[in-house]
């Protein structure tokens, strides 16, 4: 019984250590610190990666903090780097509707 518990514990530790590292959260910096070029890159990335599955949601439908949570859940699906993740976030919060 002790061996079974030990094996189960070691297996659990190995499984946890093998999972991919979570992406760094986007800092809710908004467009005030981003350049026009970064926002343009964010738009291009959105259109080429995110836009394959859905259109641009109304940016006013969520506040910047809520967008961080949404972006953190969506960016891994689009396989964005942390930098691309930030640019798309900056683009979304910069869009005025």
N, C-alpha and C. Protein backbone atom coordinates (compact mmCIF):
# COMPACT_ATOMS: atom_id res chain seq x y z
N UNK A 1 0.82 -1.18 0.00
CA UNK A 1 0.00 0.00 0.00
C UNK A 1 0.87 1.25 0.00
N UNK A 2 1.95 1.23 0.80
CA UNK A 2 2.85 2.38 0.84
C UNK A 2 3.52 2.60 -0.51
N UNK A 3 3.87 1.50 -1.19
CA UNK A 3 4.49 1.62 -2.51
C UNK A 3 3.51 2.24 -3.50
N UNK A 4 2.26 1.85 -3.43
CA UNK A 4 1.24 2.38 -4.32
C UNK A 4 1.08 3.89 -4.13
N UNK A 5 1.07 4.33 -2.89
CA UNK A 5 0.96 5.76 -2.59
C UNK A 5 2.20 6.49 -3.09
N UNK A 6 3.36 5.91 -2.89
CA UNK A 6 4.61 6.54 -3.35
C UNK A 6 4.63 6.64 -4.87
N UNK A 7 4.24 5.58 -5.56
CA UNK A 7 4.22 5.59 -7.02
C UNK A 7 3.20 6.62 -7.52
N UNK A 8 2.04 6.67 -6.90
CA UNK A 8 1.02 7.64 -7.30
C UNK A 8 1.51 9.07 -7.09
N UNK A 9 2.20 9.30 -5.98
CA UNK A 9 2.73 10.64 -5.70
C UNK A 9 3.78 11.04 -6.71
N UNK A 10 4.70 10.14 -7.02
CA UNK A 10 5.75 10.43 -8.00
C UNK A 10 5.13 10.67 -9.37
N UNK A 11 4.16 9.86 -9.73
CA UNK A 11 3.49 10.04 -11.02
C UNK A 11 2.80 11.39 -11.10
N UNK A 12 2.14 11.79 -10.03
CA UNK A 12 1.46 13.09 -10.01
C UNK A 12 2.46 14.23 -10.17
N UNK A 13 3.59 14.14 -9.47
CA UNK A 13 4.62 15.17 -9.58
C UNK A 13 5.16 15.24 -11.00
N UNK A 14 5.42 14.10 -11.60
CA UNK A 14 5.93 14.07 -12.98
C UNK A 14 4.92 14.67 -13.96
N UNK A 15 3.66 14.34 -13.80
CA UNK A 15 2.64 14.88 -14.70
C UNK A 15 2.53 16.39 -14.57
N UNK A 16 2.57 16.88 -13.36
CA UNK A 16 2.49 18.33 -13.14
C UNK A 16 3.71 19.03 -13.72
N UNK A 17 4.88 18.44 -13.57
CA UNK A 17 6.10 19.09 -14.07
C UNK A 17 6.20 19.04 -15.59
N UNK A 18 5.46 18.15 -16.23
CA UNK A 18 5.52 18.04 -17.69
C UNK A 18 4.51 18.92 -18.41
N UNK A 19 3.59 19.54 -17.68
CA UNK A 19 2.62 20.40 -18.35
C UNK A 19 3.30 21.66 -18.84
N UNK A 20 2.83 22.23 -19.95
CA UNK A 20 3.47 23.44 -20.48
C UNK A 20 3.31 24.61 -19.52
N UNK A 21 4.31 25.46 -19.54
CA UNK A 21 4.29 26.63 -18.68
C UNK A 21 3.19 27.57 -19.16
N UNK A 22 2.44 28.12 -18.22
CA UNK A 22 1.37 29.05 -18.58
C UNK A 22 1.96 30.33 -19.14
N UNK A 23 1.25 30.89 -20.09
CA UNK A 23 1.69 32.14 -20.71
C UNK A 23 1.63 33.26 -19.69
N UNK A 24 2.58 34.16 -19.76
CA UNK A 24 2.61 35.30 -18.88
C UNK A 24 1.39 36.17 -19.16
N UNK A 25 0.75 36.62 -18.12
CA UNK A 25 -0.44 37.45 -18.29
C UNK A 25 -0.11 38.76 -18.96
N UNK A 26 -1.05 39.23 -19.74
CA UNK A 26 -0.91 40.54 -20.35
C UNK A 26 -1.06 41.58 -19.26
N UNK A 27 -0.20 42.55 -19.27
CA UNK A 27 -0.32 43.65 -18.34
C UNK A 27 -1.33 44.63 -18.93
N UNK A 28 -2.26 45.06 -18.13
CA UNK A 28 -3.30 45.96 -18.62
C UNK A 28 -2.74 47.36 -18.79
N UNK A 29 -1.85 47.51 -19.78
CA UNK A 29 -1.20 48.79 -19.98
C UNK A 29 -2.01 49.70 -20.88
N UNK A 30 -2.87 49.12 -21.70
CA UNK A 30 -3.65 49.93 -22.62
C UNK A 30 -2.79 50.50 -23.71
N UNK A 31 -3.39 51.34 -24.53
CA UNK A 31 -2.68 51.87 -25.68
C UNK A 31 -1.79 53.05 -25.34
N UNK A 32 -1.81 53.52 -24.09
CA UNK A 32 -1.03 54.70 -23.73
C UNK A 32 0.47 54.45 -23.82
N UNK A 33 0.91 53.21 -23.64
CA UNK A 33 2.34 52.92 -23.69
C UNK A 33 2.73 52.22 -24.98
N UNK A 34 1.78 51.94 -25.83
CA UNK A 34 2.10 51.24 -27.07
C UNK A 34 2.23 52.24 -28.21
N UNK A 35 3.02 51.88 -29.17
CA UNK A 35 3.24 52.74 -30.33
C UNK A 35 2.19 52.43 -31.40
N UNK A 36 2.06 53.33 -32.34
CA UNK A 36 1.14 53.11 -33.46
C UNK A 36 1.54 51.87 -34.24
N UNK A 37 2.84 51.63 -34.34
CA UNK A 37 3.33 50.44 -35.06
C UNK A 37 2.92 49.16 -34.34
N UNK A 38 3.02 49.15 -33.00
CA UNK A 38 2.63 47.97 -32.24
C UNK A 38 1.13 47.71 -32.36
N UNK A 39 0.34 48.78 -32.35
CA UNK A 39 -1.10 48.62 -32.50
C UNK A 39 -1.42 48.08 -33.89
N UNK A 40 -0.72 48.58 -34.91
CA UNK A 40 -0.92 48.08 -36.28
C UNK A 40 -0.53 46.61 -36.38
N UNK A 41 0.56 46.23 -35.70
CA UNK A 41 0.96 44.82 -35.69
C UNK A 41 -0.09 43.98 -34.98
N UNK A 42 -0.64 44.52 -33.89
CA UNK A 42 -1.71 43.82 -33.17
C UNK A 42 -2.93 43.58 -34.04
N UNK A 43 -3.27 44.59 -34.86
CA UNK A 43 -4.40 44.45 -35.78
C UNK A 43 -4.13 43.34 -36.80
N UNK A 44 -2.93 43.35 -37.36
CA UNK A 44 -2.55 42.33 -38.35
C UNK A 44 -2.59 40.94 -37.73
N UNK A 45 -2.03 40.81 -36.53
CA UNK A 45 -2.03 39.51 -35.84
C UNK A 45 -3.46 39.06 -35.56
N UNK A 46 -4.29 40.01 -35.10
CA UNK A 46 -5.69 39.66 -34.83
C UNK A 46 -6.36 39.15 -36.10
N UNK A 47 -6.19 39.88 -37.19
CA UNK A 47 -6.84 39.50 -38.44
C UNK A 47 -6.36 38.14 -38.94
N UNK A 48 -5.07 37.85 -38.78
CA UNK A 48 -4.51 36.60 -39.31
C UNK A 48 -4.65 35.42 -38.36
N UNK A 49 -4.70 35.66 -37.07
CA UNK A 49 -4.78 34.55 -36.10
C UNK A 49 -6.17 34.45 -35.48
N UNK A 50 -6.57 35.49 -34.80
CA UNK A 50 -7.85 35.47 -34.08
C UNK A 50 -9.03 35.51 -35.04
N UNK A 51 -8.88 36.31 -36.10
CA UNK A 51 -9.96 36.50 -37.06
C UNK A 51 -10.34 35.24 -37.83
N UNK A 52 -9.52 34.21 -37.74
CA UNK A 52 -9.86 32.94 -38.39
C UNK A 52 -11.06 32.29 -37.72
N UNK A 53 -11.23 32.56 -36.42
CA UNK A 53 -12.31 31.92 -35.67
C UNK A 53 -13.47 32.87 -35.35
N UNK A 54 -13.18 34.15 -35.19
CA UNK A 54 -14.25 35.09 -34.82
C UNK A 54 -13.88 36.51 -35.23
N UNK A 55 -14.91 37.36 -35.32
CA UNK A 55 -14.68 38.76 -35.66
C UNK A 55 -14.27 39.53 -34.40
N UNK A 56 -13.85 40.76 -34.59
CA UNK A 56 -13.46 41.61 -33.48
C UNK A 56 -14.68 41.92 -32.63
N UNK A 57 -14.64 41.56 -31.36
CA UNK A 57 -15.77 41.88 -30.49
C UNK A 57 -15.80 43.38 -30.20
N UNK A 58 -16.90 43.86 -29.73
CA UNK A 58 -17.02 45.27 -29.36
C UNK A 58 -16.09 45.54 -28.17
N UNK A 59 -15.05 46.35 -28.37
CA UNK A 59 -14.11 46.61 -27.27
C UNK A 59 -14.77 47.23 -26.05
N UNK A 60 -15.87 47.95 -26.25
CA UNK A 60 -16.56 48.58 -25.13
C UNK A 60 -17.36 47.58 -24.29
N UNK A 61 -17.49 46.36 -24.77
CA UNK A 61 -18.28 45.36 -24.05
C UNK A 61 -17.58 44.86 -22.79
N UNK A 62 -16.29 45.13 -22.67
CA UNK A 62 -15.52 44.72 -21.49
C UNK A 62 -14.55 45.83 -21.12
N UNK A 63 -14.21 45.89 -19.83
CA UNK A 63 -13.20 46.86 -19.41
C UNK A 63 -11.81 46.25 -19.61
N UNK A 64 -10.74 47.06 -19.52
CA UNK A 64 -9.39 46.54 -19.77
C UNK A 64 -9.01 45.33 -18.91
N UNK A 65 -9.46 45.30 -17.66
CA UNK A 65 -9.13 44.16 -16.79
C UNK A 65 -9.82 42.90 -17.29
N UNK A 66 -11.06 43.03 -17.72
CA UNK A 66 -11.77 41.87 -18.26
C UNK A 66 -11.11 41.38 -19.55
N UNK A 67 -10.61 42.31 -20.36
CA UNK A 67 -9.93 41.92 -21.59
C UNK A 67 -8.68 41.10 -21.29
N UNK A 68 -8.01 41.40 -20.18
CA UNK A 68 -6.83 40.62 -19.80
C UNK A 68 -7.22 39.15 -19.63
N UNK A 69 -8.29 38.90 -18.90
CA UNK A 69 -8.75 37.53 -18.70
C UNK A 69 -9.14 36.85 -19.99
N UNK A 70 -9.84 37.57 -20.84
CA UNK A 70 -10.26 37.02 -22.13
C UNK A 70 -9.04 36.70 -22.99
N UNK A 71 -8.11 37.64 -23.04
CA UNK A 71 -6.90 37.44 -23.84
C UNK A 71 -6.07 36.27 -23.31
N UNK A 72 -5.99 36.15 -22.00
CA UNK A 72 -5.20 35.05 -21.43
C UNK A 72 -5.80 33.69 -21.77
N UNK A 73 -7.11 33.64 -21.94
CA UNK A 73 -7.72 32.36 -22.30
C UNK A 73 -7.65 32.09 -23.81
N UNK A 74 -7.60 33.14 -24.61
CA UNK A 74 -7.62 32.97 -26.06
C UNK A 74 -6.23 32.87 -26.70
N UNK A 75 -5.25 33.56 -26.16
CA UNK A 75 -3.92 33.62 -26.78
C UNK A 75 -3.28 32.24 -26.99
N UNK A 76 -3.40 31.31 -26.04
CA UNK A 76 -2.80 29.99 -26.29
C UNK A 76 -3.43 29.28 -27.49
N UNK A 77 -4.72 29.49 -27.71
CA UNK A 77 -5.39 28.86 -28.85
C UNK A 77 -4.83 29.39 -30.16
N UNK A 78 -4.47 30.67 -30.16
CA UNK A 78 -3.91 31.30 -31.37
C UNK A 78 -2.40 31.12 -31.45
N UNK A 79 -1.82 30.52 -30.43
CA UNK A 79 -0.37 30.28 -30.36
C UNK A 79 0.42 31.59 -30.50
N UNK A 80 0.02 32.59 -29.72
CA UNK A 80 0.69 33.88 -29.75
C UNK A 80 1.84 33.90 -28.75
N UNK A 81 2.90 34.61 -29.11
CA UNK A 81 3.98 34.85 -28.16
C UNK A 81 3.48 35.90 -27.16
N UNK A 82 4.20 36.09 -26.08
CA UNK A 82 3.82 37.10 -25.10
C UNK A 82 3.78 38.49 -25.74
N UNK A 83 4.74 38.76 -26.62
CA UNK A 83 4.81 40.06 -27.28
C UNK A 83 3.60 40.25 -28.21
N UNK A 84 3.28 39.24 -28.99
CA UNK A 84 2.12 39.31 -29.88
C UNK A 84 0.83 39.45 -29.07
N UNK A 85 0.77 38.74 -27.97
CA UNK A 85 -0.36 38.79 -27.05
C UNK A 85 -0.58 40.24 -26.61
N UNK A 86 0.49 40.91 -26.23
CA UNK A 86 0.41 42.31 -25.78
C UNK A 86 -0.05 43.22 -26.92
N UNK A 87 0.48 43.01 -28.11
CA UNK A 87 0.12 43.85 -29.25
C UNK A 87 -1.36 43.71 -29.60
N UNK A 88 -1.88 42.49 -29.57
CA UNK A 88 -3.30 42.28 -29.86
C UNK A 88 -4.15 42.95 -28.78
N UNK A 89 -3.74 42.82 -27.53
CA UNK A 89 -4.45 43.48 -26.44
C UNK A 89 -4.47 44.99 -26.66
N UNK A 90 -3.30 45.56 -26.97
CA UNK A 90 -3.21 47.00 -27.21
C UNK A 90 -4.12 47.42 -28.36
N UNK A 91 -4.17 46.61 -29.40
CA UNK A 91 -5.04 46.90 -30.54
C UNK A 91 -6.50 46.90 -30.10
N UNK A 92 -6.92 45.87 -29.39
CA UNK A 92 -8.33 45.76 -28.99
C UNK A 92 -8.75 46.94 -28.12
N UNK A 93 -7.93 47.30 -27.13
CA UNK A 93 -8.34 48.39 -26.24
C UNK A 93 -8.20 49.76 -26.91
N UNK A 94 -7.49 49.82 -28.04
CA UNK A 94 -7.34 51.11 -28.73
C UNK A 94 -8.49 51.38 -29.71
N UNK A 95 -9.23 50.33 -30.07
CA UNK A 95 -10.32 50.48 -31.04
C UNK A 95 -11.49 51.21 -30.37
N UNK A 96 -11.94 52.25 -31.01
CA UNK A 96 -13.09 53.01 -30.49
C UNK A 96 -14.30 52.73 -31.37
N UNK A 97 -15.39 52.28 -30.75
CA UNK A 97 -16.62 52.02 -31.52
C UNK A 97 -17.70 52.95 -31.06
